[in-house]
Amino acid sequence: GQERGSSIVPALQSVYWPRYDRGQRGIAAHLEAVNFHTRSFGSQ
């Protein structure tokens, strides 16, 4: 489901990040962003 507020980082540490190859510098992966798009939406 959705992690919320102060529970986000603990959930990443205990549940999500352990499923990736990782070391002291973080997850061992390259992320490429494609089709990047932004939209002004009221105050957001």
PDB file of all heavy atoms in Angstrom:
ATOM      1  N   GLY A   1       0.822  -1.203   0.000  1.00  0.00           N
ATOM      2  CA  GLY A   1       0.000   0.000   0.000  1.00  0.00           C
ATOM      3  C   GLY A   1       0.853   1.249   0.000  1.00  0.00           C
ATOM      4  O   GLY A   1       1.987   1.261  -0.492  1.00  0.00           O
ATOM      5  N   GLN A   2       0.312   2.345   0.564  1.00  0.00           N
ATOM      6  CA  GLN A   2       1.041   3.609   0.625  1.00  0.00           C
ATOM      7  C   GLN A   2       1.730   3.759   1.981  1.00  0.00           C
ATOM      8  O   GLN A   2       1.101   3.636   3.027  1.00  0.00           O
ATOM      9  CB  GLN A   2       0.087   4.788   0.422  1.00  0.00           C
ATOM     10  CG  GLN A   2      -0.465   4.931  -0.982  1.00  0.00           C
ATOM     11  CD  GLN A   2      -1.426   6.103  -1.067  1.00  0.00           C
ATOM     12  OE1 GLN A   2      -2.574   6.009  -0.641  1.00  0.00           O
ATOM     13  NE2 GLN A   2      -0.950   7.212  -1.601  1.00  0.00           N
ATOM     14  N   GLU A   3       3.030   4.038   1.940  1.00  0.00           N
ATOM     15  CA  GLU A   3       3.739   4.417   3.160  1.00  0.00           C
ATOM     16  C   GLU A   3       3.455   5.900   3.401  1.00  0.00           C
ATOM     17  O   GLU A   3       3.360   6.684   2.460  1.00  0.00           O
ATOM     18  CB  GLU A   3       5.241   4.176   3.020  1.00  0.00           C
ATOM     19  CG  GLU A   3       5.620   2.839   2.400  1.00  0.00           C
ATOM     20  CD  GLU A   3       5.193   1.629   3.228  1.00  0.00           C
ATOM     21  OE1 GLU A   3       4.901   1.791   4.436  1.00  0.00           O
ATOM     22  OE2 GLU A   3       5.130   0.520   2.659  1.00  0.00           O
ATOM     23  N   ARG A   4       3.359   6.288   4.677  1.00  0.00           N
ATOM     24  CA  ARG A   4       2.915   7.635   4.976  1.00  0.00           C
ATOM     25  C   ARG A   4       3.812   8.335   5.982  1.00  0.00           C
ATOM     26  O   ARG A   4       4.244   7.738   6.972  1.00  0.00           O
ATOM     27  CB  ARG A   4       1.486   7.628   5.536  1.00  0.00           C
ATOM     28  CG  ARG A   4       0.436   7.210   4.531  1.00  0.00           C
ATOM     29  CD  ARG A   4      -0.950   7.159   5.154  1.00  0.00           C
ATOM     30  NE  ARG A   4      -1.928   6.787   4.158  1.00  0.00           N
ATOM     31  CZ  ARG A   4      -2.577   7.650   3.383  1.00  0.00           C
ATOM     32  NH1 ARG A   4      -2.351   8.948   3.505  1.00  0.00           N
ATOM     33  NH2 ARG A   4      -3.455   7.237   2.486  1.00  0.00           N
ATOM     34  N   GLY A   5       4.065   9.630   5.707  1.00  0.00           N
ATOM     35  CA  GLY A   5       4.720  10.513   6.664  1.00  0.00           C
ATOM     36  C   GLY A   5       6.000   9.949   7.236  1.00  0.00           C
ATOM     37  O   GLY A   5       6.908   9.525   6.510  1.00  0.00           O
ATOM     38  N   SER A   6       6.069   9.906   8.559  1.00  0.00           N
ATOM     39  CA  SER A   6       7.295   9.474   9.235  1.00  0.00           C
ATOM     40  C   SER A   6       7.586   7.994   9.051  1.00  0.00           C
ATOM     41  O   SER A   6       8.684   7.531   9.386  1.00  0.00           O
ATOM     42  CB  SER A   6       7.198   9.794  10.731  1.00  0.00           C
ATOM     43  OG  SER A   6       6.095   9.120  11.316  1.00  0.00           O
ATOM     44  N   SER A   7       6.623   7.215   8.514  1.00  0.00           N
ATOM     45  CA  SER A   7       6.862   5.780   8.313  1.00  0.00           C
ATOM     46  C   SER A   7       7.540   5.488   6.974  1.00  0.00           C
ATOM     47  O   SER A   7       7.947   4.344   6.734  1.00  0.00           O
ATOM     48  CB  SER A   7       5.536   5.009   8.382  1.00  0.00           C
ATOM     49  OG  SER A   7       4.729   5.284   7.245  1.00  0.00           O
ATOM     50  N   ILE A   8       7.661   6.489   6.107  1.00  0.00           N
ATOM     51  CA  ILE A   8       8.217   6.245   4.769  1.00  0.00           C
ATOM     52  C   ILE A   8       9.651   5.742   4.856  1.00  0.00           C
ATOM     53  O   ILE A   8       9.994   4.671   4.321  1.00  0.00           O
ATOM     54  CB  ILE A   8       8.131   7.515   3.894  1.00  0.00           C
ATOM     55  CG1 ILE A   8       6.676   7.849   3.580  1.00  0.00           C
ATOM     56  CG2 ILE A   8       8.919   7.311   2.598  1.00  0.00           C
ATOM     57  CD1 ILE A   8       6.502   9.157   2.821  1.00  0.00           C
ATOM     58  N   VAL A   9      10.513   6.491   5.511  1.00  0.00           N
ATOM     59  CA  VAL A   9      11.936   6.124   5.543  1.00  0.00           C
ATOM     60  C   VAL A   9      12.159   4.799   6.274  1.00  0.00           C
ATOM     61  O   VAL A   9      12.897   3.937   5.778  1.00  0.00           O
ATOM     62  CB  VAL A   9      12.774   7.264   6.163  1.00  0.00           C
ATOM     63  CG1 VAL A   9      14.174   6.773   6.502  1.00  0.00           C
ATOM     64  CG2 VAL A   9      12.852   8.447   5.194  1.00  0.00           C
ATOM     65  N   PRO A  10      11.548   4.559   7.444  1.00  0.00           N
ATOM     66  CA  PRO A  10      11.719   3.232   8.065  1.00  0.00           C
ATOM     67  C   PRO A  10      11.271   2.081   7.168  1.00  0.00           C
ATOM     68  O   PRO A  10      11.896   1.015   7.160  1.00  0.00           O
ATOM     69  CB  PRO A  10      10.857   3.327   9.330  1.00  0.00           C
ATOM     70  CG  PRO A  10      10.828   4.780   9.660  1.00  0.00           C
ATOM     71  CD  PRO A  10      10.810   5.480   8.335  1.00  0.00           C
ATOM     72  N   ALA A  11      10.195   2.291   6.390  1.00  0.00           N
ATOM     73  CA  ALA A  11       9.734   1.229   5.486  1.00  0.00           C
ATOM     74  C   ALA A  11      10.745   1.000   4.367  1.00  0.00           C
ATOM     75  O   ALA A  11      11.014  -0.146   3.985  1.00  0.00           O
ATOM     76  CB  ALA A  11       8.375   1.591   4.898  1.00  0.00           C
ATOM     77  N   LEU A  12      11.303   2.077   3.842  1.00  0.00           N
ATOM     78  CA  LEU A  12      12.335   1.920   2.814  1.00  0.00           C
ATOM     79  C   LEU A  12      13.529   1.154   3.364  1.00  0.00           C
ATOM     80  O   LEU A  12      14.080   0.273   2.696  1.00  0.00           O
ATOM     81  CB  LEU A  12      12.780   3.291   2.302  1.00  0.00           C
ATOM     82  CG  LEU A  12      11.754   4.109   1.518  1.00  0.00           C
ATOM     83  CD1 LEU A  12      12.313   5.488   1.182  1.00  0.00           C
ATOM     84  CD2 LEU A  12      11.353   3.395   0.234  1.00  0.00           C
ATOM     85  N   GLN A  13      13.924   1.478   4.574  1.00  0.00           N
ATOM     86  CA  GLN A  13      15.093   0.827   5.179  1.00  0.00           C
ATOM     87  C   GLN A  13      14.857  -0.656   5.456  1.00  0.00           C
ATOM     88  O   GLN A  13      15.748  -1.486   5.236  1.00  0.00           O
ATOM     89  CB  GLN A  13      15.450   1.538   6.491  1.00  0.00           C
ATOM     90  CG  GLN A  13      16.032   2.933   6.302  1.00  0.00           C
ATOM     91  CD  GLN A  13      16.256   3.623   7.642  1.00  0.00           C
ATOM     92  OE1 GLN A  13      15.360   3.666   8.487  1.00  0.00           O
ATOM     93  NE2 GLN A  13      17.442   4.146   7.846  1.00  0.00           N
ATOM     94  N   SER A  14      13.670  -0.999   5.934  1.00  0.00           N
ATOM     95  CA  SER A  14      13.435  -2.364   6.400  1.00  0.00           C
ATOM     96  C   SER A  14      12.825  -3.280   5.352  1.00  0.00           C
ATOM     97  O   SER A  14      12.992  -4.505   5.423  1.00  0.00           O
ATOM     98  CB  SER A  14      12.526  -2.340   7.635  1.00  0.00           C
ATOM     99  OG  SER A  14      11.251  -1.795   7.300  1.00  0.00           O
ATOM    100  N   VAL A  15      12.106  -2.720   4.357  1.00  0.00           N
ATOM    101  CA  VAL A  15      11.337  -3.552   3.436  1.00  0.00           C
ATOM    102  C   VAL A  15      11.782  -3.409   1.984  1.00  0.00           C
ATOM    103  O   VAL A  15      11.955  -4.408   1.280  1.00  0.00           O
ATOM    104  CB  VAL A  15       9.826  -3.221   3.538  1.00  0.00           C
ATOM    105  CG1 VAL A  15       9.030  -4.094   2.571  1.00  0.00           C
ATOM    106  CG2 VAL A  15       9.327  -3.421   4.962  1.00  0.00           C
ATOM    107  N   TYR A  16      11.984  -2.184   1.513  1.00  0.00           N
ATOM    108  CA  TYR A  16      12.215  -1.964   0.086  1.00  0.00           C
ATOM    109  C   TYR A  16      13.692  -2.082  -0.303  1.00  0.00           C
ATOM    110  O   TYR A  16      14.047  -2.850  -1.207  1.00  0.00           O
ATOM    111  CB  TYR A  16      11.688  -0.585  -0.323  1.00  0.00           C
ATOM    112  CG  TYR A  16      10.186  -0.450  -0.224  1.00  0.00           C
ATOM    113  CD1 TYR A  16       9.581  -0.063   0.968  1.00  0.00           C
ATOM    114  CD2 TYR A  16       9.365  -0.717  -1.318  1.00  0.00           C
ATOM    115  CE1 TYR A  16       8.203   0.055   1.071  1.00  0.00           C
ATOM    116  CE2 TYR A  16       7.983  -0.594  -1.230  1.00  0.00           C
ATOM    117  CZ  TYR A  16       7.411  -0.214  -0.029  1.00  0.00           C
ATOM    118  OH  TYR A  16       6.045  -0.092   0.067  1.00  0.00           O
ATOM    119  N   TRP A  17      14.573  -1.336   0.346  1.00  0.00           N
ATOM    120  CA  TRP A  17      15.989  -1.343  -0.029  1.00  0.00           C
ATOM    121  C   TRP A  17      16.652  -2.715   0.107  1.00  0.00           C
ATOM    122  O   TRP A  17      17.525  -3.060  -0.697  1.00  0.00           O
ATOM    123  CB  TRP A  17      16.742  -0.298   0.795  1.00  0.00           C
ATOM    124  CG  TRP A  17      16.443   1.115   0.364  1.00  0.00           C
ATOM    125  CD1 TRP A  17      16.024   1.518  -0.871  1.00  0.00           C
ATOM    126  CD2 TRP A  17      16.515   2.282   1.183  1.00  0.00           C
ATOM    127  NE1 TRP A  17      15.834   2.889  -0.880  1.00  0.00           N
ATOM    128  CE2 TRP A  17      16.127   3.380   0.371  1.00  0.00           C
ATOM    129  CE3 TRP A  17      16.863   2.529   2.508  1.00  0.00           C
ATOM    130  CZ2 TRP A  17      16.092   4.685   0.853  1.00  0.00           C
ATOM    131  CZ3 TRP A  17      16.824   3.830   2.997  1.00  0.00           C
ATOM    132  CH2 TRP A  17      16.451   4.900   2.179  1.00  0.00           C
ATOM    133  N   PRO A  18      16.271  -3.540   1.104  1.00  0.00           N
ATOM    134  CA  PRO A  18      16.918  -4.857   1.212  1.00  0.00           C
ATOM    135  C   PRO A  18      16.710  -5.761   0.004  1.00  0.00           C
ATOM    136  O   PRO A  18      17.379  -6.799  -0.094  1.00  0.00           O
ATOM    137  CB  PRO A  18      16.269  -5.462   2.466  1.00  0.00           C
ATOM    138  CG  PRO A  18      15.884  -4.292   3.307  1.00  0.00           C
ATOM    139  CD  PRO A  18      15.438  -3.264   2.301  1.00  0.00           C
ATOM    140  N   ARG A  19      15.838  -5.397  -0.926  1.00  0.00           N
ATOM    141  CA  ARG A  19      15.591  -6.222  -2.108  1.00  0.00           C
ATOM    142  C   ARG A  19      16.469  -5.839  -3.293  1.00  0.00           C
ATOM    143  O   ARG A  19      16.265  -6.339  -4.401  1.00  0.00           O
ATOM    144  CB  ARG A  19      14.112  -6.144  -2.486  1.00  0.00           C
ATOM    145  CG  ARG A  19      13.212  -6.767  -1.441  1.00  0.00           C
ATOM    146  CD  ARG A  19      11.744  -6.612  -1.731  1.00  0.00           C
ATOM    147  NE  ARG A  19      10.955  -7.346  -0.740  1.00  0.00           N
ATOM    148  CZ  ARG A  19      10.539  -8.596  -0.870  1.00  0.00           C
ATOM    149  NH1 ARG A  19      10.819  -9.259  -1.970  1.00  0.00           N
ATOM    150  NH2 ARG A  19       9.849  -9.193   0.070  1.00  0.00           N
ATOM    151  N   TYR A  20      17.436  -4.941  -3.069  1.00  0.00           N
ATOM    152  CA  TYR A  20      18.347  -4.520  -4.130  1.00  0.00           C
ATOM    153  C   TYR A  20      19.796  -4.759  -3.704  1.00  0.00           C
ATOM    154  O   TYR A  20      20.124  -4.682  -2.509  1.00  0.00           O
ATOM    155  CB  TYR A  20      18.186  -3.021  -4.421  1.00  0.00           C
ATOM    156  CG  TYR A  20      16.858  -2.615  -4.999  1.00  0.00           C
ATOM    157  CD1 TYR A  20      15.812  -2.203  -4.177  1.00  0.00           C
ATOM    158  CD2 TYR A  20      16.645  -2.625  -6.379  1.00  0.00           C
ATOM    159  CE1 TYR A  20      14.590  -1.815  -4.706  1.00  0.00           C
ATOM    160  CE2 TYR A  20      15.423  -2.242  -6.919  1.00  0.00           C
ATOM    161  CZ  TYR A  20      14.398  -1.834  -6.072  1.00  0.00           C
ATOM    162  OH  TYR A  20      13.198  -1.454  -6.598  1.00  0.00           O
ATOM    163  N   ASP A  21      20.667  -5.009  -4.694  1.00  0.00           N
ATOM    164  CA  ASP A  21      22.099  -4.988  -4.420  1.00  0.00           C
ATOM    165  C   ASP A  21      22.466  -3.585  -3.950  1.00  0.00           C
ATOM    166  O   ASP A  21      22.124  -2.588  -4.595  1.00  0.00           O
ATOM    167  CB  ASP A  21      22.895  -5.332  -5.687  1.00  0.00           C
ATOM    168  CG  ASP A  21      22.826  -6.801  -6.032  1.00  0.00           C
ATOM    169  OD1 ASP A  21      22.891  -7.625  -5.109  1.00  0.00           O
ATOM    170  OD2 ASP A  21      22.701  -7.124  -7.227  1.00  0.00           O
ATOM    171  N   ARG A  22      23.182  -3.498  -2.846  1.00  0.00           N
ATOM    172  CA  ARG A  22      23.459  -2.201  -2.256  1.00  0.00           C
ATOM    173  C   ARG A  22      24.750  -2.252  -1.450  1.00  0.00           C
ATOM    174  O   ARG A  22      25.215  -3.327  -1.067  1.00  0.00           O
ATOM    175  CB  ARG A  22      22.299  -1.771  -1.353  1.00  0.00           C
ATOM    176  CG  ARG A  22      22.090  -2.680  -0.160  1.00  0.00           C
ATOM    177  CD  ARG A  22      20.691  -2.555   0.424  1.00  0.00           C
ATOM    178  NE  ARG A  22      20.561  -3.322   1.671  1.00  0.00           N
ATOM    179  CZ  ARG A  22      20.364  -4.638   1.711  1.00  0.00           C
ATOM    180  NH1 ARG A  22      20.291  -5.338   0.587  1.00  0.00           N
ATOM    181  NH2 ARG A  22      20.260  -5.251   2.881  1.00  0.00           N
ATOM    182  N   GLY A  23      25.294  -1.097  -1.217  1.00  0.00           N
ATOM    183  CA  GLY A  23      26.503  -0.975  -0.418  1.00  0.00           C
ATOM    184  C   GLY A  23      26.481   0.341   0.329  1.00  0.00           C
ATOM    185  O   GLY A  23      25.441   0.973   0.514  1.00  0.00           O
ATOM    186  N   GLN A  24      27.653   0.803   0.714  1.00  0.00           N
ATOM    187  CA  GLN A  24      27.736   2.028   1.504  1.00  0.00           C
ATOM    188  C   GLN A  24      27.289   3.253   0.718  1.00  0.00           C
ATOM    189  O   GLN A  24      26.826   4.239   1.294  1.00  0.00           O
ATOM    190  CB  GLN A  24      29.175   2.216   1.990  1.00  0.00           C
ATOM    191  CG  GLN A  24      29.635   1.124   2.952  1.00  0.00           C
ATOM    192  CD  GLN A  24      31.076   1.293   3.374  1.00  0.00           C
ATOM    193  OE1 GLN A  24      31.802   2.124   2.824  1.00  0.00           O
ATOM    194  NE2 GLN A  24      31.509   0.502   4.352  1.00  0.00           N
ATOM    195  N   ARG A  25      27.383   3.188  -0.606  1.00  0.00           N
ATOM    196  CA  ARG A  25      27.008   4.341  -1.428  1.00  0.00           C
ATOM    197  C   ARG A  25      25.557   4.284  -1.887  1.00  0.00           C
ATOM    198  O   ARG A  25      25.071   5.238  -2.505  1.00  0.00           O
ATOM    199  CB  ARG A  25      27.937   4.425  -2.643  1.00  0.00           C
ATOM    200  CG  ARG A  25      29.408   4.668  -2.282  1.00  0.00           C
ATOM    201  CD  ARG A  25      30.301   4.471  -3.497  1.00  0.00           C
ATOM    202  NE  ARG A  25      29.922   5.351  -4.590  1.00  0.00           N
ATOM    203  CZ  ARG A  25      30.373   5.212  -5.847  1.00  0.00           C
ATOM    204  NH1 ARG A  25      31.188   4.205  -6.134  1.00  0.00           N
ATOM    205  NH2 ARG A  25      29.996   6.051  -6.775  1.00  0.00           N
ATOM    206  N   GLY A  26      24.863   3.191  -1.591  1.00  0.00           N
ATOM    207  CA  GLY A  26      23.465   3.094  -1.961  1.00  0.00           C
ATOM    208  C   GLY A  26      23.189   1.903  -2.849  1.00  0.00           C
ATOM    209  O   GLY A  26      23.962   0.929  -2.898  1.00  0.00           O
ATOM    210  N   ILE A  27      22.066   1.956  -3.579  1.00  0.00           N
ATOM    211  CA  ILE A  27      21.663   0.878  -4.473  1.00  0.00           C
ATOM    212  C   ILE A  27      22.581   0.844  -5.684  1.00  0.00           C
ATOM    213  O   ILE A  27      22.872   1.879  -6.295  1.00  0.00           O
ATOM    214  CB  ILE A  27      20.201   1.079  -4.921  1.00  0.00           C
ATOM    215  CG1 ILE A  27      19.264   0.983  -3.719  1.00  0.00           C
ATOM    216  CG2 ILE A  27      19.800   0.050  -5.971  1.00  0.00           C
ATOM    217  CD1 ILE A  27      17.823   1.346  -4.027  1.00  0.00           C
ATOM    218  N   ALA A  28      23.046  -0.342  -6.054  1.00  0.00           N
ATOM    219  CA  ALA A  28      23.964  -0.503  -7.188  1.00  0.00           C
ATOM    220  C   ALA A  28      23.160  -0.555  -8.482  1.00  0.00           C
ATOM    221  O   ALA A  28      22.858  -1.623  -9.009  1.00  0.00           O
ATOM    222  CB  ALA A  28      24.802  -1.758  -7.021  1.00  0.00           C
ATOM    223  N   ALA A  29      22.794   0.607  -8.972  1.00  0.00           N
ATOM    224  CA  ALA A  29      21.946   0.651 -10.168  1.00  0.00           C
ATOM    225  C   ALA A  29      22.083   1.995 -10.864  1.00  0.00           C
ATOM    226  O   ALA A  29      22.455   3.005 -10.253  1.00  0.00           O
ATOM    227  CB  ALA A  29      20.488   0.409  -9.801  1.00  0.00           C
ATOM    228  N   HIS A  30      21.768   1.994 -12.146  1.00  0.00           N
ATOM    229  CA  HIS A  30      21.679   3.238 -12.920  1.00  0.00           C
ATOM    230  C   HIS A  30      20.212   3.509 -13.240  1.00  0.00           C
ATOM    231  O   HIS A  30      19.496   2.628 -13.728  1.00  0.00           O
ATOM    232  CB  HIS A  30      22.469   3.154 -14.225  1.00  0.00           C
ATOM    233  CG  HIS A  30      22.269   4.364 -15.104  1.00  0.00           C
ATOM    234  ND1 HIS A  30      22.839   5.577 -14.809  1.00  0.00           N
ATOM    235  CD2 HIS A  30      21.534   4.548 -16.240  1.00  0.00           C
ATOM    236  CE1 HIS A  30      22.486   6.458 -15.732  1.00  0.00           C
ATOM    237  NE2 HIS A  30      21.690   5.860 -16.605  1.00  0.00           N
ATOM    238  N   LEU A  31      19.768   4.725 -12.977  1.00  0.00           N
ATOM    239  CA  LEU A  31      18.395   5.116 -13.257  1.00  0.00           C
ATOM    240  C   LEU A  31      18.380   6.117 -14.411  1.00  0.00           C
ATOM    241  O   LEU A  31      19.051   7.148 -14.357  1.00  0.00           O
ATOM    242  CB  LEU A  31      17.742   5.733 -12.024  1.00  0.00           C
ATOM    243  CG  LEU A  31      16.257   6.080 -12.126  1.00  0.00           C
ATOM    244  CD1 LEU A  31      15.582   5.949 -10.763  1.00  0.00           C
ATOM    245  CD2 LEU A  31      16.023   7.486 -12.675  1.00  0.00           C
ATOM    246  N   GLU A  32      17.623   5.781 -15.432  1.00  0.00           N
ATOM    247  CA  GLU A  32      17.430   6.686 -16.562  1.00  0.00           C
ATOM    248  C   GLU A  32      15.986   7.179 -16.561  1.00  0.00           C
ATOM    249  O   GLU A  32      15.051   6.381 -16.500  1.00  0.00           O
ATOM    250  CB  GLU A  32      17.738   5.983 -17.884  1.00  0.00           C
ATOM    251  CG  GLU A  32      17.556   6.885 -19.095  1.00  0.00           C
ATOM    252  CD  GLU A  32      17.710   6.149 -20.413  1.00  0.00           C
ATOM    253  OE1 GLU A  32      17.711   4.901 -20.401  1.00  0.00           O
ATOM    254  OE2 GLU A  32      17.815   6.821 -21.453  1.00  0.00           O
ATOM    255  N   ALA A  33      15.808   8.495 -16.623  1.00  0.00           N
ATOM    256  CA  ALA A  33      14.482   9.092 -16.712  1.00  0.00           C
ATOM    257  C   ALA A  33      14.187   9.419 -18.176  1.00  0.00           C
ATOM    258  O   ALA A  33      14.975  10.088 -18.845  1.00  0.00           O
ATOM    259  CB  ALA A  33      14.405  10.355 -15.866  1.00  0.00           C
ATOM    260  N   VAL A  34      13.064   8.944 -18.664  1.00  0.00           N
ATOM    261  CA  VAL A  34      12.660   9.133 -20.058  1.00  0.00           C
ATOM    262  C   VAL A  34      11.264   9.753 -20.072  1.00  0.00           C
ATOM    263  O   VAL A  34      10.455   9.488 -19.194  1.00  0.00           O
ATOM    264  CB  VAL A  34      12.667   7.790 -20.824  1.00  0.00           C
ATOM    265  CG1 VAL A  34      12.287   7.983 -22.286  1.00  0.00           C
ATOM    266  CG2 VAL A  34      14.026   7.122 -20.712  1.00  0.00           C
ATOM    267  N   ASN A  35      11.002  10.576 -21.083  1.00  0.00           N
ATOM    268  CA  ASN A  35       9.683  11.210 -21.243  1.00  0.00           C
ATOM    269  C   ASN A  35       9.330  12.065 -20.026  1.00  0.00           C
ATOM    270  O   ASN A  35       8.199  12.034 -19.520  1.00  0.00           O
ATOM    271  CB  ASN A  35       8.590  10.162 -21.475  1.00  0.00           C
ATOM    272  CG  ASN A  35       8.780   9.392 -22.759  1.00  0.00           C
ATOM    273  OD1 ASN A  35       9.144   9.964 -23.784  1.00  0.00           O
ATOM    274  ND2 ASN A  35       8.559   8.092 -22.720  1.00  0.00           N
ATOM    275  N   PHE A  36      10.281  12.859 -19.568  1.00  0.00           N
ATOM    276  CA  PHE A  36      10.066  13.699 -18.393  1.00  0.00           C
ATOM    277  C   PHE A  36       9.038  14.782 -18.710  1.00  0.00           C
ATOM    278  O   PHE A  36       9.086  15.443 -19.741  1.00  0.00           O
ATOM    279  CB  PHE A  36      11.383  14.350 -17.960  1.00  0.00           C
ATOM    280  CG  PHE A  36      11.289  15.092 -16.660  1.00  0.00           C
ATOM    281  CD1 PHE A  36      11.448  14.432 -15.460  1.00  0.00           C
ATOM    282  CD2 PHE A  36      11.024  16.461 -16.635  1.00  0.00           C
ATOM    283  CE1 PHE A  36      11.357  15.109 -14.255  1.00  0.00           C
ATOM    284  CE2 PHE A  36      10.929  17.146 -15.439  1.00  0.00           C
ATOM    285  CZ  PHE A  36      11.096  16.473 -14.240  1.00  0.00           C
ATOM    286  N   HIS A  37       8.092  14.970 -17.780  1.00  0.00           N
ATOM    287  CA  HIS A  37       7.005  15.937 -18.007  1.00  0.00           C
ATOM    288  C   HIS A  37       6.647  16.622 -16.691  1.00  0.00           C
ATOM    289  O   HIS A  37       6.601  15.985 -15.638  1.00  0.00           O
ATOM    290  CB  HIS A  37       5.763  15.215 -18.550  1.00  0.00           C
ATOM    291  CG  HIS A  37       4.626  16.138 -18.881  1.00  0.00           C
ATOM    292  ND1 HIS A  37       3.689  16.542 -17.945  1.00  0.00           N
ATOM    293  CD2 HIS A  37       4.278  16.748 -20.044  1.00  0.00           C
ATOM    294  CE1 HIS A  37       2.810  17.343 -18.518  1.00  0.00           C
ATOM    295  NE2 HIS A  37       3.140  17.483 -19.789  1.00  0.00           N
ATOM    296  N   THR A  38       6.414  17.929 -16.747  1.00  0.00           N
ATOM    297  CA  THR A  38       5.962  18.668 -15.572  1.00  0.00           C
ATOM    298  C   THR A  38       4.672  19.405 -15.911  1.00  0.00           C
ATOM    299  O   THR A  38       4.428  19.782 -17.060  1.00  0.00           O
ATOM    300  CB  THR A  38       7.011  19.685 -15.093  1.00  0.00           C
ATOM    301  OG1 THR A  38       7.216  20.665 -16.107  1.00  0.00           O
ATOM    302  CG2 THR A  38       8.325  19.000 -14.762  1.00  0.00           C
ATOM    303  N   ARG A  39       3.862  19.604 -14.893  1.00  0.00           N
ATOM    304  CA  ARG A  39       2.608  20.322 -15.078  1.00  0.00           C
ATOM    305  C   ARG A  39       2.325  21.165 -13.832  1.00  0.00           C
ATOM    306  O   ARG A  39       2.323  20.653 -12.708  1.00  0.00           O
ATOM    307  CB  ARG A  39       1.451  19.329 -15.291  1.00  0.00           C
ATOM    308  CG  ARG A  39       0.119  20.007 -15.649  1.00  0.00           C
ATOM    309  CD  ARG A  39      -1.022  19.000 -15.620  1.00  0.00           C
ATOM    310  NE  ARG A  39      -0.827  17.918 -16.564  1.00  0.00           N
ATOM    311  CZ  ARG A  39      -1.215  17.957 -17.846  1.00  0.00           C
ATOM    312  NH1 ARG A  39      -1.776  19.053 -18.322  1.00  0.00           N
ATOM    313  NH2 ARG A  39      -1.019  16.912 -18.625  1.00  0.00           N
ATOM    314  N   SER A  40       2.082  22.459 -14.046  1.00  0.00           N
ATOM    315  CA  SER A  40       1.628  23.316 -12.967  1.00  0.00           C
ATOM    316  C   SER A  40       0.176  22.964 -12.669  1.00  0.00           C
ATOM    317  O   SER A  40      -0.649  22.832 -13.574  1.00  0.00           O
ATOM    318  CB  SER A  40       1.749  24.791 -13.363  1.00  0.00           C
ATOM    319  OG  SER A  40       1.233  25.608 -12.339  1.00  0.00           O
ATOM    320  N   PHE A  41      -0.124  22.831 -11.358  1.00  0.00           N
ATOM    321  CA  PHE A  41      -1.443  22.310 -10.992  1.00  0.00           C
ATOM    322  C   PHE A  41      -1.912  23.040  -9.734  1.00  0.00           C
ATOM    323  O   PHE A  41      -1.670  22.595  -8.616  1.00  0.00           O
ATOM    324  CB  PHE A  41      -1.339  20.796 -10.765  1.00  0.00           C
ATOM    325  CG  PHE A  41      -2.643  20.115 -10.512  1.00  0.00           C
ATOM    326  CD1 PHE A  41      -3.545  19.906 -11.541  1.00  0.00           C
ATOM    327  CD2 PHE A  41      -2.978  19.684  -9.239  1.00  0.00           C
ATOM    328  CE1 PHE A  41      -4.750  19.278 -11.305  1.00  0.00           C
ATOM    329  CE2 PHE A  41      -4.173  19.059  -8.995  1.00  0.00           C
ATOM    330  CZ  PHE A  41      -5.075  18.859 -10.029  1.00  0.00           C
ATOM    331  N   GLY A  42      -2.576  24.193  -9.912  1.00  0.00           N
ATOM    332  CA  GLY A  42      -2.968  25.002  -8.774  1.00  0.00           C
ATOM    333  C   GLY A  42      -1.743  25.440  -8.000  1.00  0.00           C
ATOM    334  O   GLY A  42      -0.810  26.009  -8.574  1.00  0.00           O
ATOM    335  N   SER A  43      -1.708  25.151  -6.714  1.00  0.00           N
ATOM    336  CA  SER A  43      -0.532  25.482  -5.900  1.00  0.00           C
ATOM    337  C   SER A  43       0.499  24.365  -5.919  1.00  0.00           C
ATOM    338  O   SER A  43       1.519  24.459  -5.232  1.00  0.00           O
ATOM    339  CB  SER A  43      -0.967  25.755  -4.455  1.00  0.00           C
ATOM    340  OG  SER A  43      -1.493  24.569  -3.862  1.00  0.00           O
ATOM    341  N   GLN A  44       0.236  23.317  -6.687  1.00  0.00           N
ATOM    342  CA  GLN A  44       1.126  22.163  -6.733  1.00  0.00           C
ATOM    343  C   GLN A  44       1.708  21.968  -8.124  1.00  0.00           C
ATOM    344  O   GLN A  44       1.341  22.664  -9.083  1.00  0.00           O
ATOM    345  CB  GLN A  44       0.361  20.896  -6.304  1.00  0.00           C
ATOM    346  CG  GLN A  44      -0.221  20.965  -4.908  1.00  0.00           C
ATOM    347  CD  GLN A  44      -1.015  19.726  -4.556  1.00  0.00           C
ATOM    348  OE1 GLN A  44      -1.849  19.266  -5.326  1.00  0.00           O
ATOM    349  NE2 GLN A  44      -0.761  19.172  -3.371  1.00  0.00           N
TER     350      GLN A  44
END
